[in-house]
Amino acid sequence: MTRPITAGLDGSEESLAALAWAAREAVRRGTPLHIAHAWRFDPRGGGGEGEREAQEKWVLDAVAGAARTLTDRHPGLEVTTEAREGDAADTLLAASADADTLVLGSRGHGAVVGFLLGSVGQQVIAGATRPVVLVRAGDEASAEAAGREIVVGQQGDEEDSAEVLGFAFATAAARGASVRAVRAWTLPPVFAYSPGSLRLADEAGGLEPYERKALEEAVRPWRERFPDVPVVEHVEMGSAGQVLLAVAGGAQLVVVGRRARRTAVGARIGSVAHGVLHHAPCPVAVVPHA
């Protein structure tokens, strides 16, 4: 079964931009598009069951209208919809379970909004088992033109970054784009590297050559799988978030990995994904590690 690209819709400018992005990506990949919407009826307004039914009809009509707009714009695109009464995070997580990718609106330069109110954003990004793409209002198809690369952050070894690199290369192949694989490194504390890793670094001729070799080995399988995708391997000393943002100015998409962690106040995403989500000038894909 072909997994759809799923987009969350809440009527905001951000979510409409996300919906348009998702439709273009679905056309490129030849996959269906699924639209998910969550709504709540507030009984405090004094309305009875009749008012609730009227609100539900309005919601269904609005979602259907959004679907018609996309099928008019992209003839042949298969679009399905759901409008579920209930919690936004639960709706999105349920919809993402069977999706290839979940696409949501993001304000950027601040808190993620729209569907992502308060802690909902972190719940969705941290809890999703599929890649989540965040798109800002004003995003245009022209930003996906040839010549604008896809930037992907690579950390750890080949196995650690397989899902992240795989998503970046598959997206680049569908768009005819190039990939810039970025590995950032910093001087470690005296005891941060194990004796084994220090020996490997010494054999490689130093820490920077060691990092370059690690990136080369992680990228090699994806070069072989996608031989037509041009690749730039970028190794730079600095924090991962700062290095990624420094090269994101000409990107059409930034792809980062995510290892969610649980705290007393709920799920949290890593600092690199958090920083890139708030400040990258283009859509950001957050890919969960296997």
Protein backbone atom coordinates (compact mmCIF):
# COMPACT_ATOMS: atom_id res chain seq x y z
CA MET A 1 0.00 0.00 0.00
CA THR A 2 1.30 3.45 -0.93
CA ARG A 3 1.49 5.69 2.10
CA PRO A 4 -0.08 9.14 1.59
CA ILE A 5 1.49 12.45 2.41
CA THR A 6 -0.71 13.84 5.19
CA ALA A 7 -1.23 17.54 5.89
CA GLY A 8 -2.80 19.09 8.97
CA LEU A 9 -5.32 21.81 8.19
CA ASP A 10 -6.65 24.33 10.70
CA GLY A 11 -7.48 27.30 8.44
CA SER A 12 -4.41 29.38 9.33
CA GLU A 13 -2.15 30.83 6.63
CA GLU A 14 0.58 28.53 7.85
CA SER A 15 -1.52 25.40 7.46
CA LEU A 16 -2.69 26.46 3.99
CA ALA A 17 0.94 26.88 2.94
CA ALA A 18 1.68 23.45 4.41
CA LEU A 19 -1.24 21.97 2.48
CA ALA A 20 0.04 23.45 -0.79
CA TRP A 21 3.56 22.14 -0.06
CA ALA A 22 2.18 18.68 0.69
CA ALA A 23 0.17 18.62 -2.54
CA ARG A 24 3.19 19.52 -4.66
CA GLU A 25 5.26 16.85 -2.93
CA ALA A 26 2.52 14.25 -3.42
CA VAL A 27 2.41 15.03 -7.14
CA ARG A 28 6.20 14.71 -7.42
CA ARG A 29 6.25 11.39 -5.57
CA GLY A 30 3.09 10.01 -7.18
CA THR A 31 1.42 9.43 -3.81
CA PRO A 32 -2.07 10.30 -2.50
CA LEU A 33 -2.64 13.33 -0.26
CA HIS A 34 -4.60 13.08 2.98
CA ILE A 35 -5.98 16.13 4.81
CA ALA A 36 -6.51 15.90 8.57
CA HIS A 37 -8.48 18.40 10.64
CA ALA A 38 -9.36 18.39 14.35
CA TRP A 39 -12.16 20.45 15.84
CA ARG A 40 -13.92 20.94 19.16
CA PHE A 41 -17.43 22.06 20.00
CA ASP A 42 -17.55 24.48 22.92
CA PRO A 43 -20.83 23.99 24.83
CA ARG A 44 -20.15 27.09 26.91
CA GLY A 45 -21.60 29.21 24.13
CA GLY A 46 -25.05 27.99 25.06
CA GLY A 47 -25.69 26.16 21.80
CA GLY A 48 -27.37 22.80 21.81
CA GLU A 49 -27.03 19.78 19.61
CA GLY A 50 -28.33 21.73 16.63
CA GLU A 51 -25.48 24.21 16.90
CA ARG A 52 -22.97 21.41 17.25
CA GLU A 53 -24.29 19.78 14.06
CA ALA A 54 -24.11 23.13 12.27
CA GLN A 55 -20.48 23.56 13.33
CA GLU A 56 -19.65 20.05 12.19
CA LYS A 57 -21.23 20.71 8.79
CA TRP A 58 -19.26 23.93 8.46
CA VAL A 59 -16.02 22.07 9.27
CA LEU A 60 -16.75 19.29 6.78
CA ASP A 61 -17.60 21.81 4.06
CA ALA A 62 -14.40 23.76 4.72
CA VAL A 63 -12.21 20.66 4.53
CA ALA A 64 -13.98 19.48 1.38
CA GLY A 65 -13.48 22.93 -0.15
CA ALA A 66 -9.76 22.78 0.54
CA ALA A 67 -9.61 19.37 -1.13
CA ARG A 68 -11.45 20.66 -4.23
CA THR A 69 -9.02 23.56 -4.53
CA LEU A 70 -6.12 21.14 -4.64
CA THR A 71 -7.68 18.74 -7.13
CA ASP A 72 -8.49 21.71 -9.38
CA ARG A 73 -4.86 22.84 -9.11
CA HIS A 74 -3.42 19.34 -9.53
CA PRO A 75 -5.69 17.24 -11.80
CA GLY A 76 -5.18 13.56 -11.11
CA LEU A 77 -4.06 14.05 -7.51
CA GLU A 78 -5.90 11.64 -5.21
CA VAL A 79 -7.10 13.51 -2.10
CA THR A 80 -8.81 12.07 0.97
CA THR A 81 -9.98 13.93 4.05
CA GLU A 82 -10.87 13.45 7.68
CA ALA A 83 -12.38 15.90 10.19
CA ARG A 84 -12.26 14.46 13.67
CA GLU A 85 -13.79 15.96 16.77
CA GLY A 86 -11.20 15.76 19.51
CA ASP A 87 -7.67 16.58 20.56
CA ALA A 88 -5.42 18.09 17.87
CA ALA A 89 -2.27 16.21 18.87
CA ASP A 90 -4.09 12.88 19.04
CA THR A 91 -5.66 13.50 15.63
CA LEU A 92 -2.34 14.37 14.02
CA LEU A 93 -0.45 11.49 15.57
CA ALA A 94 -3.13 9.03 14.51
CA ALA A 95 -3.16 10.44 10.99
CA SER A 96 0.64 10.33 10.76
CA ALA A 97 0.86 6.65 11.72
CA ASP A 98 -0.07 5.49 8.22
CA ALA A 99 1.51 8.43 6.38
CA ASP A 100 4.72 8.72 4.43
CA THR A 101 5.21 12.23 5.81
CA LEU A 102 3.19 14.60 8.01
CA VAL A 103 3.17 18.26 6.94
CA LEU A 104 2.17 21.09 9.27
CA GLY A 105 2.19 24.86 9.36
CA SER A 106 4.84 26.70 11.37
CA ARG A 107 5.24 30.37 12.20
CA GLY A 108 9.01 30.14 12.70
CA HIS A 109 11.09 32.65 14.65
CA GLY A 110 9.01 31.77 17.68
CA ALA A 111 6.59 29.13 18.88
CA VAL A 112 5.19 26.69 16.34
CA VAL A 113 1.51 27.54 15.98
CA GLY A 114 -1.67 26.59 14.16
CA PHE A 115 -2.27 22.97 15.08
CA LEU A 116 0.78 23.30 17.26
CA LEU A 117 -0.59 25.31 20.17
CA GLY A 118 1.27 25.18 23.46
CA SER A 119 2.70 21.73 24.02
CA VAL A 120 0.87 20.18 21.05
CA GLY A 121 3.75 20.91 18.69
CA GLN A 122 6.29 19.09 20.77
CA GLN A 123 3.87 16.20 21.32
CA VAL A 124 3.42 15.75 17.59
CA ILE A 125 7.06 16.16 16.56
CA ALA A 126 8.35 14.06 19.46
CA GLY A 127 5.66 11.39 19.17
CA ALA A 128 5.40 10.93 15.40
CA THR A 129 6.98 7.81 13.97
CA ARG A 130 7.14 9.36 10.50
CA PRO A 131 8.97 12.49 9.23
CA VAL A 132 7.25 15.78 10.09
CA VAL A 133 7.73 18.78 7.77
CA LEU A 134 7.07 22.30 9.08
CA VAL A 135 6.13 24.96 6.51
CA ARG A 136 5.69 28.70 7.01
CA ALA A 137 3.07 31.04 5.62
CA GLY A 138 4.27 32.58 2.38
CA ASP A 139 6.14 29.49 1.22
CA GLU A 140 6.05 29.37 -2.59
CA ALA A 141 6.63 26.69 -5.21
CA SER A 142 9.33 28.90 -6.74
CA ALA A 143 11.52 28.19 -3.69
CA GLU A 144 11.75 24.58 -4.90
CA ALA A 145 13.39 25.57 -8.18
CA ALA A 146 16.43 23.71 -9.43
CA GLY A 147 19.64 25.06 -7.98
CA ARG A 148 18.39 25.33 -4.42
CA GLU A 149 19.86 22.47 -2.46
CA ILE A 150 18.50 20.25 0.26
CA VAL A 151 20.57 20.59 3.42
CA VAL A 152 20.72 17.60 5.76
CA GLY A 153 22.42 17.33 9.12
CA GLN A 154 24.42 14.15 9.69
CA GLN A 155 25.51 13.01 13.14
CA GLY A 156 26.83 9.77 14.57
CA ASP A 157 27.69 6.85 12.33
CA GLU A 158 26.11 5.40 9.19
CA GLU A 159 23.40 3.56 11.11
CA ASP A 160 22.49 6.56 13.28
CA SER A 161 21.77 8.81 10.32
CA ALA A 162 20.31 6.34 7.81
CA GLU A 163 16.69 7.54 8.13
CA VAL A 164 17.66 11.22 7.94
CA LEU A 165 19.92 10.85 4.91
CA GLY A 166 17.45 8.53 3.21
CA PHE A 167 14.68 11.11 3.47
CA ALA A 168 16.92 13.90 2.16
CA PHE A 169 18.18 11.90 -0.83
CA ALA A 170 14.72 10.60 -1.78
CA THR A 171 13.33 14.14 -1.65
CA ALA A 172 16.22 15.48 -3.71
CA ALA A 173 15.75 12.73 -6.31
CA ALA A 174 12.05 13.58 -6.66
CA ARG A 175 12.88 17.28 -7.11
CA GLY A 176 16.01 17.03 -9.25
CA ALA A 177 17.90 18.82 -6.47
CA SER A 178 21.34 18.48 -4.94
CA VAL A 179 22.11 17.48 -1.35
CA ARG A 180 24.46 19.24 1.04
CA ALA A 181 25.30 16.78 3.82
CA VAL A 182 26.51 18.72 6.86
CA ARG A 183 28.51 17.35 9.76
CA ALA A 184 29.43 19.80 12.53
CA TRP A 185 32.07 19.06 15.14
CA THR A 186 33.56 20.72 18.17
CA LEU A 187 36.66 20.15 20.25
CA PRO A 188 35.62 17.62 22.90
CA PRO A 189 36.35 17.81 26.60
CA VAL A 190 39.45 15.85 27.57
CA PHE A 191 37.52 12.69 28.49
CA ALA A 192 34.67 12.98 25.95
CA TYR A 193 36.12 10.65 23.31
CA SER A 194 36.63 7.00 24.11
CA PRO A 195 40.12 5.51 23.68
CA GLY A 196 38.83 3.69 20.60
CA SER A 197 37.53 6.84 18.90
CA LEU A 198 40.71 8.74 19.76
CA ARG A 199 42.74 5.95 18.16
CA LEU A 200 40.60 6.16 15.01
CA ALA A 201 40.97 9.94 14.94
CA ASP A 202 44.73 9.58 15.28
CA GLU A 203 44.79 7.06 12.42
CA ALA A 204 42.78 9.47 10.28
CA GLY A 205 45.32 12.24 10.86
CA GLY A 206 43.38 14.32 13.39
CA LEU A 207 39.87 15.17 14.49
CA GLU A 208 38.73 17.04 11.36
CA PRO A 209 39.87 14.30 8.93
CA TYR A 210 38.18 11.81 11.25
CA GLU A 211 34.91 13.76 10.97
CA ARG A 212 35.25 13.98 7.18
CA LYS A 213 35.77 10.25 6.96
CA ALA A 214 32.75 9.60 9.18
CA LEU A 215 30.55 11.79 6.93
CA GLU A 216 31.90 10.15 3.78
CA GLU A 217 31.10 6.68 5.10
CA ALA A 218 27.59 7.68 6.19
CA VAL A 219 26.79 9.25 2.80
CA ARG A 220 28.36 6.54 0.61
CA PRO A 221 25.36 4.14 0.56
CA TRP A 222 23.02 6.96 -0.44
CA ARG A 223 25.35 8.15 -3.21
CA GLU A 224 25.24 4.60 -4.56
CA ARG A 225 21.46 4.34 -4.24
CA PHE A 226 20.83 7.77 -5.81
CA PRO A 227 23.71 8.19 -8.32
CA ASP A 228 21.99 11.08 -10.13
CA VAL A 229 21.76 13.27 -7.02
CA PRO A 230 24.70 15.70 -6.79
CA VAL A 231 26.22 15.76 -3.28
CA VAL A 232 28.36 18.24 -1.38
CA GLU A 233 29.93 16.93 1.82
CA HIS A 234 30.29 19.81 4.27
CA VAL A 235 32.31 19.45 7.47
CA GLU A 236 32.65 22.49 9.71
CA MET A 237 33.73 23.16 13.25
CA GLY A 238 30.91 24.61 15.36
CA SER A 239 27.63 23.71 16.98
CA ALA A 240 25.35 21.65 14.76
CA GLY A 241 22.46 24.10 14.91
CA GLN A 242 24.59 27.12 14.05
CA VAL A 243 26.38 25.37 11.19
CA LEU A 244 23.10 24.16 9.67
CA LEU A 245 21.51 27.59 9.88
CA ALA A 246 24.61 29.20 8.36
CA VAL A 247 24.26 27.11 5.18
CA ALA A 248 20.44 27.14 5.05
CA GLY A 249 20.11 30.52 3.36
CA GLY A 250 20.04 29.03 -0.13
CA ALA A 251 18.25 25.81 0.77
CA GLN A 252 14.78 24.70 -0.31
CA LEU A 253 14.54 22.28 2.63
CA VAL A 254 16.54 21.51 5.77
CA VAL A 255 16.40 17.95 7.12
CA VAL A 256 17.35 17.15 10.72
CA GLY A 257 17.15 14.07 12.87
CA ARG A 258 15.20 13.78 16.08
CA ARG A 259 15.71 11.78 19.23
CA ALA A 260 12.81 12.59 21.53
CA ARG A 261 13.32 12.43 25.26
CA ARG A 262 10.77 12.30 28.05
CA THR A 263 10.85 14.70 30.96
CA ALA A 264 8.60 15.40 33.92
CA VAL A 265 6.71 17.96 31.82
CA GLY A 266 6.33 15.83 28.69
CA ALA A 267 8.20 15.05 25.48
CA ARG A 268 11.03 17.29 24.32
CA ILE A 269 12.90 17.36 21.03
CA GLY A 270 16.63 17.94 20.78
CA SER A 271 18.20 21.38 20.81
CA VAL A 272 19.41 21.15 17.21
CA ALA A 273 15.95 20.38 15.80
CA HIS A 274 14.43 23.00 18.10
CA GLY A 275 16.79 25.74 16.93
CA VAL A 276 16.51 24.91 13.24
CA LEU A 277 12.70 24.77 13.42
CA HIS A 278 12.52 28.27 14.83
CA HIS A 279 15.09 29.99 12.64
CA ALA A 280 15.56 28.24 9.27
CA PRO A 281 14.32 30.40 6.35
CA CYS A 282 12.76 27.41 4.55
CA PRO A 283 10.66 24.35 5.36
CA VAL A 284 12.22 21.95 7.87
CA ALA A 285 11.81 18.17 7.96
CA VAL A 286 12.29 16.47 11.33
CA VAL A 287 13.00 12.76 10.84
CA PRO A 288 12.84 10.32 13.76
CA HIS A 289 15.83 8.04 14.15
CA ALA A 290 15.05 4.35 13.82
